Amino acid sequence: MTAVRVRITYCAECGYEDAAADLARALMIEFREKLSAIELVPFVDGTFDVRIGDDLVHSMLRDGGFPNPDLVKAAITSRLRV
């Protein structure tokens, strides 16, 4: 099983820090050592993107709103099974 890297890019000027931290916390609790890293990247322009490895699994611009944590967890789980 390969550990999974997660990158959450969020709009710092929009105040999305709490949403990014809450998602990161939920993923750490769920997956623990199965994650190689969770990276929080402050950005601008209303961004809230979640990447698992190189795959964009949620984009606020593309998908609207914040990600559903269960969908992000499902995307991670599917990569862990590979």
C-alpha atoms as a PDB file:
ATOM      1  CA  MET A   1       0.000   0.000   0.000  1.00  0.00           C
ATOM      2  CA  THR A   2       1.352   3.405  -1.006  1.00  0.00           C
ATOM      3  CA  ALA A   3       0.835   6.352   1.319  1.00  0.00           C
ATOM      4  CA  VAL A   4      -1.207   9.190  -0.143  1.00  0.00           C
ATOM      5  CA  ARG A   5      -0.271  12.875  -0.271  1.00  0.00           C
ATOM      6  CA  VAL A   6      -3.062  15.470   0.055  1.00  0.00           C
ATOM      7  CA  ARG A   7      -2.748  19.165  -0.848  1.00  0.00           C
ATOM      8  CA  ILE A   8      -5.441  21.644   0.205  1.00  0.00           C
ATOM      9  CA  THR A   9      -5.088  25.043  -1.445  1.00  0.00           C
ATOM     10  CA  TYR A  10      -7.353  27.630   0.162  1.00  0.00           C
ATOM     11  CA  CYS A  11      -8.081  31.346  -0.100  1.00  0.00           C
ATOM     12  CA  ALA A  12      -6.385  32.987   2.887  1.00  0.00           C
ATOM     13  CA  GLU A  13      -7.830  36.418   2.125  1.00  0.00           C
ATOM     14  CA  CYS A  14     -11.327  34.854   2.156  1.00  0.00           C
ATOM     15  CA  GLY A  15     -10.850  33.344   5.615  1.00  0.00           C
ATOM     16  CA  TYR A  16     -11.001  29.712   4.497  1.00  0.00           C
ATOM     17  CA  GLU A  17      -8.314  28.624   7.004  1.00  0.00           C
ATOM     18  CA  ASP A  18     -10.844  26.975   9.322  1.00  0.00           C
ATOM     19  CA  ALA A  19     -12.399  24.935   6.511  1.00  0.00           C
ATOM     20  CA  ALA A  20      -8.941  23.799   5.355  1.00  0.00           C
ATOM     21  CA  ALA A  21      -7.863  22.895   8.894  1.00  0.00           C
ATOM     22  CA  ASP A  22     -11.140  21.073   9.594  1.00  0.00           C
ATOM     23  CA  LEU A  23     -10.771  18.961   6.445  1.00  0.00           C
ATOM     24  CA  ALA A  24      -7.119  18.225   7.234  1.00  0.00           C
ATOM     25  CA  ARG A  25      -8.045  17.205  10.787  1.00  0.00           C
ATOM     26  CA  ALA A  26     -10.813  14.883   9.551  1.00  0.00           C
ATOM     27  CA  LEU A  27      -8.402  13.235   7.101  1.00  0.00           C
ATOM     28  CA  MET A  28      -5.681  12.817   9.747  1.00  0.00           C
ATOM     29  CA  ILE A  29      -8.142  11.158  12.126  1.00  0.00           C
ATOM     30  CA  GLU A  30      -9.519   8.856   9.422  1.00  0.00           C
ATOM     31  CA  PHE A  31      -6.288   7.805   7.699  1.00  0.00           C
ATOM     32  CA  ARG A  32      -3.439   8.404  10.187  1.00  0.00           C
ATOM     33  CA  GLU A  33      -0.186   6.881   8.888  1.00  0.00           C
ATOM     34  CA  LYS A  34      -1.720   5.997   5.520  1.00  0.00           C
ATOM     35  CA  LEU A  35      -1.166   9.621   4.486  1.00  0.00           C
ATOM     36  CA  SER A  36       2.380  10.611   3.619  1.00  0.00           C
ATOM     37  CA  ALA A  37       1.505  14.301   4.002  1.00  0.00           C
ATOM     38  CA  ILE A  38      -1.262  16.847   4.204  1.00  0.00           C
ATOM     39  CA  GLU A  39      -0.119  20.171   2.800  1.00  0.00           C
ATOM     40  CA  LEU A  40      -2.072  23.365   3.471  1.00  0.00           C
ATOM     41  CA  VAL A  41      -1.307  26.055   0.884  1.00  0.00           C
ATOM     42  CA  PRO A  42      -2.623  29.586   1.447  1.00  0.00           C
ATOM     43  CA  PHE A  43      -3.661  31.290  -1.798  1.00  0.00           C
ATOM     44  CA  VAL A  44      -6.068  33.981  -3.091  1.00  0.00           C
ATOM     45  CA  ASP A  45      -8.996  34.476  -5.478  1.00  0.00           C
ATOM     46  CA  GLY A  46     -11.617  32.382  -3.677  1.00  0.00           C
ATOM     47  CA  THR A  47      -9.678  29.164  -4.144  1.00  0.00           C
ATOM     48  CA  PHE A  48     -10.428  25.934  -2.299  1.00  0.00           C
ATOM     49  CA  ASP A  49      -8.896  22.997  -4.151  1.00  0.00           C
ATOM     50  CA  VAL A  50      -8.110  19.502  -2.922  1.00  0.00           C
ATOM     51  CA  ARG A  51      -5.539  17.356  -4.706  1.00  0.00           C
ATOM     52  CA  ILE A  52      -4.716  13.774  -3.940  1.00  0.00           C
ATOM     53  CA  GLY A  53      -1.353  13.172  -5.482  1.00  0.00           C
ATOM     54  CA  ASP A  54      -1.570  14.996  -8.804  1.00  0.00           C
ATOM     55  CA  ASP A  55      -5.346  14.519  -9.176  1.00  0.00           C
ATOM     56  CA  LEU A  56      -7.676  17.452  -8.537  1.00  0.00           C
ATOM     57  CA  VAL A  57     -10.578  15.873  -6.647  1.00  0.00           C
ATOM     58  CA  HIS A  58     -12.357  19.099  -5.686  1.00  0.00           C
ATOM     59  CA  SER A  59     -12.239  22.645  -6.983  1.00  0.00           C
ATOM     60  CA  MET A  60     -14.445  25.387  -5.589  1.00  0.00           C
ATOM     61  CA  LEU A  61     -14.411  27.031  -9.018  1.00  0.00           C
ATOM     62  CA  ARG A  62     -15.311  23.836 -10.890  1.00  0.00           C
ATOM     63  CA  ASP A  63     -17.539  22.078  -8.328  1.00  0.00           C
ATOM     64  CA  GLY A  64     -18.840  24.964  -6.240  1.00  0.00           C
ATOM     65  CA  GLY A  65     -18.636  25.303  -2.478  1.00  0.00           C
ATOM     66  CA  PHE A  66     -16.442  23.442  -0.067  1.00  0.00           C
ATOM     67  CA  PRO A  67     -15.755  19.743  -0.582  1.00  0.00           C
ATOM     68  CA  ASN A  68     -17.825  17.061   1.061  1.00  0.00           C
ATOM     69  CA  PRO A  69     -15.331  15.363   3.433  1.00  0.00           C
ATOM     70  CA  ASP A  70     -16.893  11.960   2.718  1.00  0.00           C
ATOM     71  CA  LEU A  71     -16.186  12.347  -1.004  1.00  0.00           C
ATOM     72  CA  VAL A  72     -12.575  13.309  -0.312  1.00  0.00           C
ATOM     73  CA  LYS A  73     -12.249  10.309   2.025  1.00  0.00           C
ATOM     74  CA  ALA A  74     -13.679   8.031  -0.671  1.00  0.00           C
ATOM     75  CA  ALA A  75     -11.168   9.366  -3.199  1.00  0.00           C
ATOM     76  CA  ILE A  76      -8.311   8.663  -0.773  1.00  0.00           C
ATOM     77  CA  THR A  77      -9.628   5.192   0.000  1.00  0.00           C
ATOM     78  CA  SER A  78      -9.797   4.318  -3.702  1.00  0.00           C
ATOM     79  CA  ARG A  79      -6.132   5.286  -4.108  1.00  0.00           C
ATOM     80  CA  LEU A  80      -5.096   3.246  -1.083  1.00  0.00           C
ATOM     81  CA  ARG A  81      -6.617   0.122  -2.630  1.00  0.00           C
ATOM     82  CA  VAL A  82      -4.404   0.374  -5.716  1.00  0.00           C
END
